[in-house]
PDB file of N, CA and C in Angstrom:
ATOM      1  N   MET A   1      98.955 108.575 108.421  1.00  0.00           N
ATOM      2  CA  MET A   1      97.542 108.417 108.671  1.00  0.00           C
ATOM      3  C   MET A   1      97.140 109.399 109.767  1.00  0.00           C
ATOM      4  N   ALA A   2      96.022 110.013 109.604  1.00  0.00           N
ATOM      5  CA  ALA A   2      95.525 110.962 110.598  1.00  0.00           C
ATOM      6  C   ALA A   2      95.110 110.219 111.861  1.00  0.00           C
ATOM      7  N   SER A   3      95.452 110.782 113.013  1.00  0.00           N
ATOM      8  CA  SER A   3      95.072 110.158 114.285  1.00  0.00           C
ATOM      9  C   SER A   3      93.589 110.400 114.552  1.00  0.00           C
ATOM     10  N   SER A   4      93.054 109.699 115.542  1.00  0.00           N
ATOM     11  CA  SER A   4      91.634 109.848 115.873  1.00  0.00           C
ATOM     12  C   SER A   4      91.323 111.245 116.400  1.00  0.00           C
ATOM     13  N   SER A   5      92.336 111.969 116.883  1.00  0.00           N
ATOM     14  CA  SER A   5      92.109 113.309 117.413  1.00  0.00           C
ATOM     15  C   SER A   5      92.301 114.393 116.342  1.00  0.00           C
ATOM     16  N   TYR A   6      92.588 113.985 115.103  1.00  0.00           N
ATOM     17  CA  TYR A   6      92.824 114.937 114.019  1.00  0.00           C
ATOM     18  C   TYR A   6      91.572 115.760 113.749  1.00  0.00           C
ATOM     19  N   SER A   7      91.737 117.061 113.695  1.00  0.00           N
ATOM     20  CA  SER A   7      90.631 117.958 113.378  1.00  0.00           C
ATOM     21  C   SER A   7      90.901 118.589 112.024  1.00  0.00           C
ATOM     22  N   ARG A   8      90.213 118.111 111.003  1.00  0.00           N
ATOM     23  CA  ARG A   8      90.429 118.615 109.646  1.00  0.00           C
ATOM     24  C   ARG A   8      90.176 120.119 109.581  1.00  0.00           C
ATOM     25  N   LYS A   9      89.150 120.598 110.249  1.00  0.00           N
ATOM     26  CA  LYS A   9      88.828 122.022 110.215  1.00  0.00           C
ATOM     27  C   LYS A   9      89.912 122.864 110.886  1.00  0.00           C
ATOM     28  N   ALA A  10      90.599 122.301 111.881  1.00  0.00           N
ATOM     29  CA  ALA A  10      91.627 123.046 112.597  1.00  0.00           C
ATOM     30  C   ALA A  10      92.892 123.226 111.761  1.00  0.00           C
ATOM     31  N   TYR A  11      93.159 122.319 110.843  1.00  0.00           N
ATOM     32  CA  TYR A  11      94.396 122.388 110.069  1.00  0.00           C
ATOM     33  C   TYR A  11      94.132 122.859 108.648  1.00  0.00           C
ATOM     34  N   TRP A  12      93.672 121.994 107.791  1.00  0.00           N
ATOM     35  CA  TRP A  12      93.443 122.340 106.388  1.00  0.00           C
ATOM     36  C   TRP A  12      92.050 121.887 105.987  1.00  0.00           C
ATOM     37  N   PRO A  13      91.067 122.772 106.020  1.00  0.00           N
ATOM     38  CA  PRO A  13      89.699 122.353 105.699  1.00  0.00           C
ATOM     39  C   PRO A  13      89.530 121.894 104.254  1.00  0.00           C
ATOM     40  N   ASN A  14      90.424 122.263 103.365  1.00  0.00           N
ATOM     41  CA  ASN A  14      90.307 121.865 101.963  1.00  0.00           C
ATOM     42  C   ASN A  14      91.224 120.712 101.591  1.00  0.00           C
ATOM     43  N   THR A  15      91.798 120.043 102.581  1.00  0.00           N
ATOM     44  CA  THR A  15      92.702 118.934 102.332  1.00  0.00           C
ATOM     45  C   THR A  15      91.940 117.622 102.409  1.00  0.00           C
ATOM     46  N   PHE A  16      92.230 116.735 101.480  1.00  0.00           N
ATOM     47  CA  PHE A  16      91.609 115.416 101.416  1.00  0.00           C
ATOM     48  C   PHE A  16      92.485 114.461 102.218  1.00  0.00           C
ATOM     49  N   VAL A  17      92.038 113.981 103.364  1.00  0.00           N
ATOM     50  CA  VAL A  17      92.843 113.152 104.256  1.00  0.00           C
ATOM     51  C   VAL A  17      92.465 111.688 104.092  1.00  0.00           C
ATOM     52  N   LEU A  18      93.455 110.865 103.710  1.00  0.00           N
ATOM     53  CA  LEU A  18      93.251 109.435 103.500  1.00  0.00           C
ATOM     54  C   LEU A  18      94.397 108.650 104.126  1.00  0.00           C
ATOM     55  N   THR A  19      94.134 107.387 104.423  1.00  0.00           N
ATOM     56  CA  THR A  19      95.210 106.489 104.834  1.00  0.00           C
ATOM     57  C   THR A  19      95.956 106.041 103.576  1.00  0.00           C
ATOM     58  N   GLU A  20      97.114 105.444 103.747  1.00  0.00           N
ATOM     59  CA  GLU A  20      97.867 104.926 102.597  1.00  0.00           C
ATOM     60  C   GLU A  20      97.022 103.897 101.841  1.00  0.00           C
ATOM     61  N   LYS A  21      96.342 103.039 102.561  1.00  0.00           N
ATOM     62  CA  LYS A  21      95.492 102.024 101.930  1.00  0.00           C
ATOM     63  C   LYS A  21      94.398 102.676 101.086  1.00  0.00           C
ATOM     64  N   GLN A  22      93.776 103.724 101.600  1.00  0.00           N
ATOM     65  CA  GLN A  22      92.722 104.419 100.862  1.00  0.00           C
ATOM     66  C   GLN A  22      93.267 105.091  99.606  1.00  0.00           C
ATOM     67  N   VAL A  23      94.474 105.644  99.695  1.00  0.00           N
ATOM     68  CA  VAL A  23      95.090 106.261  98.515  1.00  0.00           C
ATOM     69  C   VAL A  23      95.297 105.196  97.440  1.00  0.00           C
ATOM     70  N   LYS A  24      95.851 104.052  97.831  1.00  0.00           N
ATOM     71  CA  LYS A  24      96.111 102.977  96.870  1.00  0.00           C
ATOM     72  C   LYS A  24      94.816 102.468  96.250  1.00  0.00           C
ATOM     73  N   GLU A  25      93.746 102.402  97.030  1.00  0.00           N
ATOM     74  CA  GLU A  25      92.459 101.942  96.512  1.00  0.00           C
ATOM     75  C   GLU A  25      91.904 102.894  95.447  1.00  0.00           C
ATOM     76  N   CYS A  26      92.265 104.164  95.505  1.00  0.00           N
ATOM     77  CA  CYS A  26      91.820 105.137  94.497  1.00  0.00           C
ATOM     78  C   CYS A  26      92.366 104.801  93.113  1.00  0.00           C
ATOM     79  N   PHE A  27      93.426 104.008  93.054  1.00  0.00           N
ATOM     80  CA  PHE A  27      94.073 103.710  91.787  1.00  0.00           C
ATOM     81  C   PHE A  27      93.818 102.285  91.308  1.00  0.00           C
ATOM     82  N   THR A  28      92.755 101.660  91.793  1.00  0.00           N
ATOM     83  CA  THR A  28      92.356 100.356  91.290  1.00  0.00           C
ATOM     84  C   THR A  28      92.011 100.515  89.813  1.00  0.00           C
ATOM     85  N   GLY A  29      92.539  99.646  88.965  1.00  0.00           N
ATOM     86  CA  GLY A  29      92.293  99.746  87.529  1.00  0.00           C
ATOM     87  C   GLY A  29      93.315 100.601  86.804  1.00  0.00           C
ATOM     88  N   TYR A  30      94.283 101.123  87.534  1.00  0.00           N
ATOM     89  CA  TYR A  30      95.352 101.928  86.948  1.00  0.00           C
ATOM     90  C   TYR A  30      96.676 101.177  87.069  1.00  0.00           C
ATOM     91  N   GLU A  31      97.606 101.489  86.197  1.00  0.00           N
ATOM     92  CA  GLU A  31      98.971 101.014  86.358  1.00  0.00           C
ATOM     93  C   GLU A  31      99.706 102.079  87.157  1.00  0.00           C
ATOM     94  N   VAL A  32     100.096 101.733  88.373  1.00  0.00           N
ATOM     95  CA  VAL A  32     100.826 102.683  89.213  1.00  0.00           C
ATOM     96  C   VAL A  32     102.293 102.645  88.791  1.00  0.00           C
ATOM     97  N   ILE A  33     102.746 103.747  88.258  1.00  0.00           N
ATOM     98  CA  ILE A  33     104.114 103.853  87.756  1.00  0.00           C
ATOM     99  C   ILE A  33     105.059 104.228  88.888  1.00  0.00           C
ATOM    100  N   SER A  34     104.591 105.099  89.781  1.00  0.00           N
ATOM    101  CA  SER A  34     105.409 105.535  90.912  1.00  0.00           C
ATOM    102  C   SER A  34     104.497 105.851  92.099  1.00  0.00           C
ATOM    103  N   PHE A  35     104.870 105.360  93.266  1.00  0.00           N
ATOM    104  CA  PHE A  35     104.142 105.651  94.502  1.00  0.00           C
ATOM    105  C   PHE A  35     105.180 106.017  95.551  1.00  0.00           C
ATOM    106  N   THR A  36     105.177 107.265  95.981  1.00  0.00           N
ATOM    107  CA  THR A  36     106.185 107.741  96.923  1.00  0.00           C
ATOM    108  C   THR A  36     105.514 108.383  98.129  1.00  0.00           C
ATOM    109  N   GLU A  37     105.984 108.021  99.299  1.00  0.00           N
ATOM    110  CA  GLU A  37     105.495 108.647 100.534  1.00  0.00           C
ATOM    111  C   GLU A  37     106.553 109.627 101.026  1.00  0.00           C
ATOM    112  N   HIS A  38     106.150 110.857 101.215  1.00  0.00           N
ATOM    113  CA  HIS A  38     107.035 111.884 101.762  1.00  0.00           C
ATOM    114  C   HIS A  38     106.637 112.094 103.222  1.00  0.00           C
ATOM    115  N   LYS A  39     107.588 111.934 104.125  1.00  0.00           N
ATOM    116  CA  LYS A  39     107.323 112.123 105.551  1.00  0.00           C
ATOM    117  C   LYS A  39     108.045 113.369 106.039  1.00  0.00           C
ATOM    118  N   THR A  40     107.327 114.165 106.794  1.00  0.00           N
ATOM    119  CA  THR A  40     107.944 115.361 107.364  1.00  0.00           C
ATOM    120  C   THR A  40     107.347 115.620 108.744  1.00  0.00           C
ATOM    121  N   SER A  41     108.114 116.213 109.600  1.00  0.00           N
ATOM    122  CA  SER A  41     107.662 116.555 110.950  1.00  0.00           C
ATOM    123  C   SER A  41     107.781 118.056 111.136  1.00  0.00           C
ATOM    124  N   GLY A  42     106.979 118.569 112.023  1.00  0.00           N
ATOM    125  CA  GLY A  42     107.042 119.998 112.293  1.00  0.00           C
ATOM    126  C   GLY A  42     106.079 120.378 113.384  1.00  0.00           C
ATOM    127  N   VAL A  43     105.784 121.647 113.436  1.00  0.00           N
ATOM    128  CA  VAL A  43     104.883 122.181 114.449  1.00  0.00           C
ATOM    129  C   VAL A  43     103.657 122.743 113.737  1.00  0.00           C
ATOM    130  N   ALA A  44     102.488 122.311 114.170  1.00  0.00           N
ATOM    131  CA  ALA A  44     101.236 122.791 113.599  1.00  0.00           C
ATOM    132  C   ALA A  44     100.975 124.221 114.063  1.00  0.00           C
ATOM    133  N   LEU A  45      99.972 124.848 113.475  1.00  0.00           N
ATOM    134  CA  LEU A  45      99.658 126.234 113.817  1.00  0.00           C
ATOM    135  C   LEU A  45      99.322 126.430 115.290  1.00  0.00           C
ATOM    136  N   ASP A  46      98.785 125.379 115.916  1.00  0.00           N
ATOM    137  CA  ASP A  46      98.433 125.503 117.338  1.00  0.00           C
ATOM    138  C   ASP A  46      99.611 125.204 118.260  1.00  0.00           C
ATOM    139  N   GLY A  47     100.805 124.962 117.687  1.00  0.00           N
ATOM    140  CA  GLY A  47     102.009 124.735 118.481  1.00  0.00           C
ATOM    141  C   GLY A  47     102.300 123.278 118.802  1.00  0.00           C
ATOM    142  N   THR A  48     101.420 122.350 118.422  1.00  0.00           N
ATOM    143  CA  THR A  48     101.659 120.932 118.709  1.00  0.00           C
ATOM    144  C   THR A  48     102.567 120.324 117.641  1.00  0.00           C
ATOM    145  N   ARG A  49     103.361 119.349 118.069  1.00  0.00           N
ATOM    146  CA  ARG A  49     104.206 118.606 117.134  1.00  0.00           C
ATOM    147  C   ARG A  49     103.305 117.786 116.229  1.00  0.00           C
ATOM    148  N   HIS A  50     103.682 117.665 114.960  1.00  0.00           N
ATOM    149  CA  HIS A  50     102.846 116.946 114.011  1.00  0.00           C
ATOM    150  C   HIS A  50     103.712 116.258 112.968  1.00  0.00           C
ATOM    151  N   ASN A  51     103.271 115.088 112.518  1.00  0.00           N
ATOM    152  CA  ASN A  51     103.930 114.362 111.435  1.00  0.00           C
ATOM    153  C   ASN A  51     102.992 114.353 110.232  1.00  0.00           C
ATOM    154  N   TRP A  52     103.531 114.671 109.073  1.00  0.00           N
ATOM    155  CA  TRP A  52     102.739 114.654 107.843  1.00  0.00           C
ATOM    156  C   TRP A  52     103.255 113.549 106.939  1.00  0.00           C
ATOM    157  N   HIS A  53     102.338 112.865 106.283  1.00  0.00           N
ATOM    158  CA  HIS A  53     102.654 111.856 105.273  1.00  0.00           C
ATOM    159  C   HIS A  53     101.950 112.316 104.001  1.00  0.00           C
ATOM    160  N   ILE A  54     102.737 112.652 103.011  1.00  0.00           N
ATOM    161  CA  ILE A  54     102.187 113.153 101.754  1.00  0.00           C
ATOM    162  C   ILE A  54     102.548 112.147 100.667  1.00  0.00           C
ATOM    163  N   TYR A  55     101.530 111.703  99.917  1.00  0.00           N
ATOM    164  CA  TYR A  55     101.731 110.681  98.893  1.00  0.00           C
ATOM    165  C   TYR A  55     101.752 111.320  97.512  1.00  0.00           C
ATOM    166  N   ALA A  56     102.740 110.955  96.723  1.00  0.00           N
ATOM    167  CA  ALA A  56     102.839 111.392  95.332  1.00  0.00           C
ATOM    168  C   ALA A  56     102.659 110.155  94.464  1.00  0.00           C
ATOM    169  N   VAL A  57     101.669 110.201  93.576  1.00  0.00           N
ATOM    170  CA  VAL A  57     101.346 109.041  92.753  1.00  0.00           C
ATOM    171  C   VAL A  57     101.360 109.430  91.285  1.00  0.00           C
ATOM    172  N   VAL A  58     102.034 108.610  90.494  1.00  0.00           N
ATOM    173  CA  VAL A  58     101.966 108.728  89.040  1.00  0.00           C
ATOM    174  C   VAL A  58     101.333 107.431  88.564  1.00  0.00           C
ATOM    175  N   ALA A  59     100.185 107.546  87.877  1.00  0.00           N
ATOM    176  CA  ALA A  59      99.460 106.359  87.426  1.00  0.00           C
ATOM    177  C   ALA A  59      98.891 106.598  86.044  1.00  0.00           C
ATOM    178  N   GLN A  60      98.665 105.502  85.332  1.00  0.00           N
ATOM    179  CA  GLN A  60      98.124 105.594  83.980  1.00  0.00           C
ATOM    180  C   GLN A  60      97.005 104.583  83.839  1.00  0.00           C
ATOM    181  N   LYS A  61      95.904 105.029  83.286  1.00  0.00           N
ATOM    182  CA  LYS A  61      94.784 104.142  83.006  1.00  0.00           C
ATOM    183  C   LYS A  61      94.791 103.831  81.526  1.00  0.00           C
ATOM    184  N   ALA A  62      94.750 102.540  81.189  1.00  0.00           N
ATOM    185  CA  ALA A  62      94.757 102.131  79.796  1.00  0.00           C
ATOM    186  C   ALA A  62      93.450 102.510  79.130  1.00  0.00           C
ATOM    187  N   LEU A  63      93.539 103.009  77.910  1.00  0.00           N
ATOM    188  CA  LEU A  63      92.349 103.318  77.137  1.00  0.00           C
ATOM    189  C   LEU A  63      91.764 102.020  76.590  1.00  0.00           C
ATOM    190  N   ASP A  64      90.448 101.973  76.437  1.00  0.00           N
ATOM    191  CA  ASP A  64      89.822 100.789  75.849  1.00  0.00           C
ATOM    192  C   ASP A  64      90.410 100.535  74.467  1.00  0.00           C
ATOM    193  N   GLY A  65      90.806  99.304  74.230  1.00  0.00           N
ATOM    194  CA  GLY A  65      91.358  98.949  72.923  1.00  0.00           C
ATOM    195  C   GLY A  65      92.825  99.309  72.762  1.00  0.00           C
ATOM    196  N   ALA A  66      93.452  99.795  73.835  1.00  0.00           N
ATOM    197  CA  ALA A  66      94.871 100.160  73.740  1.00  0.00           C
ATOM    198  C   ALA A  66      95.718  98.902  73.601  1.00  0.00           C
ATOM    199  N   ILE A  67      96.824  99.042  72.905  1.00  0.00           N
ATOM    200  CA  ILE A  67      97.719  97.893  72.695  1.00  0.00           C
ATOM    201  C   ILE A  67      98.702  97.808  73.841  1.00  0.00           C
TER     202      ILE A  67
END
């Protein structure tokens, strides 16, 4: 989860930043087949230590009338 001091423009302006709860809410009405959190640590471009949480989701939405 991004901290309160996170500056989206300073890191990745085109990145969609969500909490784990918000990611899961995006898949309401879907069958979540796989939900994996990848955690990594490193140094940001400005030299500060940073932790990244990247979520990989495989989900399927049933078609109307599907068996």
